[in-house]
Amino acid sequence: MFAGNGAETNRAQLVYQLKRLYWQIMVATEEHHTGILLAIGQPETAEMYQERTGKRRE
């Protein structure tokens, strides 16, 4: 969406949008979606991971 509109994207924005998508799936289905969680983990920095989980990434 951002690239299509000529806007610049970054890692934090991508992770934020994936988290929103995950939340919307949880609200709609009341189930976890492992694929989205894996997608969130890919571009996430170690600091973002620690903030989200409270754990350090090894």
PDB file of N, CA and C in Angstrom:
ATOM      1  N   MET A   1       0.826  -1.188   0.000  1.00  0.00           N
ATOM      2  CA  MET A   1       0.000   0.000   0.000  1.00  0.00           C
ATOM      3  C   MET A   1       0.874   1.257   0.000  1.00  0.00           C
ATOM      4  N   PHE A   2       1.880   1.300   0.903  1.00  0.00           N
ATOM      5  CA  PHE A   2       2.731   2.488   0.988  1.00  0.00           C
ATOM      6  C   PHE A   2       3.547   2.674  -0.290  1.00  0.00           C
ATOM      7  N   ALA A   3       4.153   1.592  -0.749  1.00  0.00           N
ATOM      8  CA  ALA A   3       4.970   1.677  -1.962  1.00  0.00           C
ATOM      9  C   ALA A   3       4.124   2.068  -3.163  1.00  0.00           C
ATOM     10  N   GLY A   4       2.913   1.552  -3.226  1.00  0.00           N
ATOM     11  CA  GLY A   4       2.023   1.882  -4.328  1.00  0.00           C
ATOM     12  C   GLY A   4       1.645   3.344  -4.358  1.00  0.00           C
ATOM     13  N   ASN A   5       1.622   3.967  -3.191  1.00  0.00           N
ATOM     14  CA  ASN A   5       1.290   5.393  -3.101  1.00  0.00           C
ATOM     15  C   ASN A   5       2.517   6.281  -3.159  1.00  0.00           C
ATOM     16  N   GLY A   6       3.689   5.662  -3.382  1.00  0.00           N
ATOM     17  CA  GLY A   6       4.922   6.440  -3.476  1.00  0.00           C
ATOM     18  C   GLY A   6       5.516   6.803  -2.129  1.00  0.00           C
ATOM     19  N   ALA A   7       4.947   6.285  -1.047  1.00  0.00           N
ATOM     20  CA  ALA A   7       5.461   6.592   0.288  1.00  0.00           C
ATOM     21  C   ALA A   7       6.627   5.657   0.620  1.00  0.00           C
ATOM     22  N   GLU A   8       7.481   6.114   1.478  1.00  0.00           N
ATOM     23  CA  GLU A   8       8.612   5.313   1.905  1.00  0.00           C
ATOM     24  C   GLU A   8       8.180   4.379   3.033  1.00  0.00           C
ATOM     25  N   THR A   9       8.656   3.168   3.007  1.00  0.00           N
ATOM     26  CA  THR A   9       8.350   2.223   4.073  1.00  0.00           C
ATOM     27  C   THR A   9       9.613   1.955   4.874  1.00  0.00           C
ATOM     28  N   ASN A  10       9.430   1.531   6.106  1.00  0.00           N
ATOM     29  CA  ASN A  10      10.574   1.152   6.917  1.00  0.00           C
ATOM     30  C   ASN A  10      10.186  -0.042   7.771  1.00  0.00           C
ATOM     31  N   ARG A  11      11.167  -0.592   8.432  1.00  0.00           N
ATOM     32  CA  ARG A  11      10.979  -1.807   9.222  1.00  0.00           C
ATOM     33  C   ARG A  11       9.926  -1.617  10.307  1.00  0.00           C
ATOM     34  N   ALA A  12       9.996  -0.524  11.036  1.00  0.00           N
ATOM     35  CA  ALA A  12       9.054  -0.291  12.133  1.00  0.00           C
ATOM     36  C   ALA A  12       7.621  -0.198  11.612  1.00  0.00           C
ATOM     37  N   GLN A  13       7.435   0.482  10.492  1.00  0.00           N
ATOM     38  CA  GLN A  13       6.091   0.629   9.915  1.00  0.00           C
ATOM     39  C   GLN A  13       5.560  -0.727   9.458  1.00  0.00           C
ATOM     40  N   LEU A  14       6.419  -1.535   8.848  1.00  0.00           N
ATOM     41  CA  LEU A  14       6.010  -2.858   8.406  1.00  0.00           C
ATOM     42  C   LEU A  14       5.587  -3.728   9.592  1.00  0.00           C
ATOM     43  N   VAL A  15       6.388  -3.729  10.647  1.00  0.00           N
ATOM     44  CA  VAL A  15       6.058  -4.515  11.840  1.00  0.00           C
ATOM     45  C   VAL A  15       4.746  -4.018  12.448  1.00  0.00           C
ATOM     46  N   TYR A  16       4.570  -2.706  12.515  1.00  0.00           N
ATOM     47  CA  TYR A  16       3.340  -2.132  13.061  1.00  0.00           C
ATOM     48  C   TYR A  16       2.120  -2.611  12.268  1.00  0.00           C
ATOM     49  N   GLN A  17       2.196  -2.566  10.948  1.00  0.00           N
ATOM     50  CA  GLN A  17       1.069  -2.986  10.116  1.00  0.00           C
ATOM     51  C   GLN A  17       0.790  -4.482  10.266  1.00  0.00           C
ATOM     52  N   LEU A  18       1.843  -5.299  10.382  1.00  0.00           N
ATOM     53  CA  LEU A  18       1.649  -6.735  10.594  1.00  0.00           C
ATOM     54  C   LEU A  18       0.996  -7.005  11.947  1.00  0.00           C
ATOM     55  N   LYS A  19       1.377  -6.246  12.973  1.00  0.00           N
ATOM     56  CA  LYS A  19       0.755  -6.405  14.292  1.00  0.00           C
ATOM     57  C   LYS A  19      -0.720  -6.024  14.240  1.00  0.00           C
ATOM     58  N   ARG A  20      -1.046  -4.972  13.499  1.00  0.00           N
ATOM     59  CA  ARG A  20      -2.455  -4.586  13.330  1.00  0.00           C
ATOM     60  C   ARG A  20      -3.233  -5.691  12.641  1.00  0.00           C
ATOM     61  N   LEU A  21      -2.644  -6.266  11.599  1.00  0.00           N
ATOM     62  CA  LEU A  21      -3.287  -7.358  10.888  1.00  0.00           C
ATOM     63  C   LEU A  21      -3.504  -8.541  11.823  1.00  0.00           C
ATOM     64  N   TYR A  22      -2.503  -8.865  12.615  1.00  0.00           N
ATOM     65  CA  TYR A  22      -2.620  -9.976  13.562  1.00  0.00           C
ATOM     66  C   TYR A  22      -3.766  -9.718  14.540  1.00  0.00           C
ATOM     67  N   TRP A  23      -3.847  -8.506  15.065  1.00  0.00           N
ATOM     68  CA  TRP A  23      -4.910  -8.152  16.005  1.00  0.00           C
ATOM     69  C   TRP A  23      -6.284  -8.287  15.337  1.00  0.00           C
ATOM     70  N   GLN A  24      -6.418  -7.829  14.096  1.00  0.00           N
ATOM     71  CA  GLN A  24      -7.683  -7.924  13.389  1.00  0.00           C
ATOM     72  C   GLN A  24      -8.082  -9.383  13.165  1.00  0.00           C
ATOM     73  N   ILE A  25      -7.111 -10.226  12.871  1.00  0.00           N
ATOM     74  CA  ILE A  25      -7.398 -11.656  12.715  1.00  0.00           C
ATOM     75  C   ILE A  25      -7.857 -12.246  14.046  1.00  0.00           C
ATOM     76  N   MET A  26      -7.185 -11.870  15.142  1.00  0.00           N
ATOM     77  CA  MET A  26      -7.560 -12.370  16.462  1.00  0.00           C
ATOM     78  C   MET A  26      -8.986 -11.952  16.821  1.00  0.00           C
ATOM     79  N   VAL A  27      -9.348 -10.726  16.536  1.00  0.00           N
ATOM     80  CA  VAL A  27     -10.695 -10.240  16.836  1.00  0.00           C
ATOM     81  C   VAL A  27     -11.732 -11.001  16.006  1.00  0.00           C
ATOM     82  N   ALA A  28     -11.430 -11.213  14.741  1.00  0.00           N
ATOM     83  CA  ALA A  28     -12.389 -11.858  13.846  1.00  0.00           C
ATOM     84  C   ALA A  28     -12.533 -13.357  14.100  1.00  0.00           C
ATOM     85  N   THR A  29     -11.438 -14.036  14.441  1.00  0.00           N
ATOM     86  CA  THR A  29     -11.478 -15.494  14.527  1.00  0.00           C
ATOM     87  C   THR A  29     -11.298 -16.041  15.937  1.00  0.00           C
ATOM     88  N   GLU A  30     -10.825 -15.200  16.858  1.00  0.00           N
ATOM     89  CA  GLU A  30     -10.490 -15.611  18.228  1.00  0.00           C
ATOM     90  C   GLU A  30      -9.456 -16.734  18.238  1.00  0.00           C
ATOM     91  N   GLU A  31      -8.590 -16.758  17.235  1.00  0.00           N
ATOM     92  CA  GLU A  31      -7.517 -17.745  17.137  1.00  0.00           C
ATOM     93  C   GLU A  31      -6.216 -17.049  16.764  1.00  0.00           C
ATOM     94  N   HIS A  32      -5.100 -17.637  17.219  1.00  0.00           N
ATOM     95  CA  HIS A  32      -3.778 -17.127  16.842  1.00  0.00           C
ATOM     96  C   HIS A  32      -3.496 -17.511  15.403  1.00  0.00           C
ATOM     97  N   HIS A  33      -2.750 -16.677  14.707  1.00  0.00           N
ATOM     98  CA  HIS A  33      -2.352 -16.977  13.335  1.00  0.00           C
ATOM     99  C   HIS A  33      -0.830 -17.047  13.305  1.00  0.00           C
ATOM    100  N   THR A  34      -0.313 -18.267  13.290  1.00  0.00           N
ATOM    101  CA  THR A  34       1.123 -18.497  13.369  1.00  0.00           C
ATOM    102  C   THR A  34       1.871 -17.849  12.211  1.00  0.00           C
ATOM    103  N   GLY A  35       1.302 -17.864  11.036  1.00  0.00           N
ATOM    104  CA  GLY A  35       1.960 -17.275   9.870  1.00  0.00           C
ATOM    105  C   GLY A  35       2.221 -15.791  10.041  1.00  0.00           C
ATOM    106  N   ILE A  36       1.252 -15.078  10.591  1.00  0.00           N
ATOM    107  CA  ILE A  36       1.433 -13.640  10.820  1.00  0.00           C
ATOM    108  C   ILE A  36       2.483 -13.412  11.902  1.00  0.00           C
ATOM    109  N   LEU A  37       2.474 -14.238  12.952  1.00  0.00           N
ATOM    110  CA  LEU A  37       3.499 -14.102  13.996  1.00  0.00           C
ATOM    111  C   LEU A  37       4.892 -14.317  13.420  1.00  0.00           C
ATOM    112  N   LEU A  38       5.036 -15.288  12.542  1.00  0.00           N
ATOM    113  CA  LEU A  38       6.329 -15.516  11.899  1.00  0.00           C
ATOM    114  C   LEU A  38       6.712 -14.327  11.016  1.00  0.00           C
ATOM    115  N   ALA A  39       5.740 -13.769  10.324  1.00  0.00           N
ATOM    116  CA  ALA A  39       6.005 -12.605   9.475  1.00  0.00           C
ATOM    117  C   ALA A  39       6.428 -11.404  10.319  1.00  0.00           C
ATOM    118  N   ILE A  40       5.853 -11.237  11.495  1.00  0.00           N
ATOM    119  CA  ILE A  40       6.236 -10.146  12.388  1.00  0.00           C
ATOM    120  C   ILE A  40       7.684 -10.326  12.834  1.00  0.00           C
ATOM    121  N   GLY A  41       8.077 -11.554  13.107  1.00  0.00           N
ATOM    122  CA  GLY A  41       9.420 -11.826  13.599  1.00  0.00           C
ATOM    123  C   GLY A  41      10.517 -11.615  12.580  1.00  0.00           C
ATOM    124  N   GLN A  42      10.219 -11.683  11.300  1.00  0.00           N
ATOM    125  CA  GLN A  42      11.251 -11.561  10.277  1.00  0.00           C
ATOM    126  C   GLN A  42      11.890 -10.174  10.219  1.00  0.00           C
ATOM    127  N   PRO A  43      11.135  -9.098  10.048  1.00  0.00           N
ATOM    128  CA  PRO A  43      11.773  -7.776   9.945  1.00  0.00           C
ATOM    129  C   PRO A  43      12.039  -7.126  11.301  1.00  0.00           C
ATOM    130  N   GLU A  44      11.606  -7.761  12.356  1.00  0.00           N
ATOM    131  CA  GLU A  44      11.702  -7.187  13.691  1.00  0.00           C
ATOM    132  C   GLU A  44      13.154  -7.148  14.175  1.00  0.00           C
ATOM    133  N   THR A  45      13.577  -6.025  14.704  1.00  0.00           N
ATOM    134  CA  THR A  45      14.909  -5.922  15.286  1.00  0.00           C
ATOM    135  C   THR A  45      14.903  -6.564  16.666  1.00  0.00           C
ATOM    136  N   ALA A  46      16.089  -6.783  17.227  1.00  0.00           N
ATOM    137  CA  ALA A  46      16.194  -7.366  18.558  1.00  0.00           C
ATOM    138  C   ALA A  46      15.480  -6.493  19.598  1.00  0.00           C
ATOM    139  N   GLU A  47      15.578  -5.176  19.441  1.00  0.00           N
ATOM    140  CA  GLU A  47      14.919  -4.261  20.377  1.00  0.00           C
ATOM    141  C   GLU A  47      13.407  -4.353  20.264  1.00  0.00           C
ATOM    142  N   MET A  48      12.895  -4.451  19.042  1.00  0.00           N
ATOM    143  CA  MET A  48      11.452  -4.579  18.850  1.00  0.00           C
ATOM    144  C   MET A  48      10.952  -5.885  19.455  1.00  0.00           C
ATOM    145  N   TYR A  49      11.720  -6.959  19.260  1.00  0.00           N
ATOM    146  CA  TYR A  49      11.353  -8.265  19.812  1.00  0.00           C
ATOM    147  C   TYR A  49      11.278  -8.197  21.333  1.00  0.00           C
ATOM    148  N   GLN A  50      12.283  -7.580  21.952  1.00  0.00           N
ATOM    149  CA  GLN A  50      12.309  -7.489  23.405  1.00  0.00           C
ATOM    150  C   GLN A  50      11.140  -6.657  23.919  1.00  0.00           C
ATOM    151  N   GLU A  51      10.812  -5.585  23.235  1.00  0.00           N
ATOM    152  CA  GLU A  51       9.674  -4.751  23.638  1.00  0.00           C
ATOM    153  C   GLU A  51       8.366  -5.529  23.538  1.00  0.00           C
ATOM    154  N   ARG A  52       8.215  -6.329  22.472  1.00  0.00           N
ATOM    155  CA  ARG A  52       6.980  -7.081  22.247  1.00  0.00           C
ATOM    156  C   ARG A  52       6.832  -8.250  23.210  1.00  0.00           C
ATOM    157  N   THR A  53       7.931  -8.966  23.496  1.00  0.00           N
ATOM    158  CA  THR A  53       7.849 -10.188  24.287  1.00  0.00           C
ATOM    159  C   THR A  53       8.364 -10.071  25.702  1.00  0.00           C
ATOM    160  N   GLY A  54       9.186  -9.064  25.967  1.00  0.00           N
ATOM    161  CA  GLY A  54       9.813  -8.946  27.279  1.00  0.00           C
ATOM    162  C   GLY A  54      11.022  -9.856  27.434  1.00  0.00           C
ATOM    163  N   LYS A  55      11.412 -10.517  26.343  1.00  0.00           N
ATOM    164  CA  LYS A  55      12.549 -11.432  26.360  1.00  0.00           C
ATOM    165  C   LYS A  55      13.606 -10.966  25.378  1.00  0.00           C
ATOM    166  N   ARG A  56      14.858 -11.318  25.639  1.00  0.00           N
ATOM    167  CA  ARG A  56      15.946 -11.007  24.722  1.00  0.00           C
ATOM    168  C   ARG A  56      16.013 -12.059  23.633  1.00  0.00           C
ATOM    169  N   ARG A  57      16.257 -11.632  22.413  1.00  0.00           N
ATOM    170  CA  ARG A  57      16.415 -12.565  21.303  1.00  0.00           C
ATOM    171  C   ARG A  57      17.838 -13.113  21.336  1.00  0.00           C
ATOM    172  N   GLU A  58      17.951 -14.395  21.247  1.00  0.00           N
ATOM    173  CA  GLU A  58      19.283 -15.035  21.273  1.00  0.00           C
ATOM    174  C   GLU A  58      19.851 -15.142  19.894  1.00  0.00           C
TER     175      GLU A  58
END
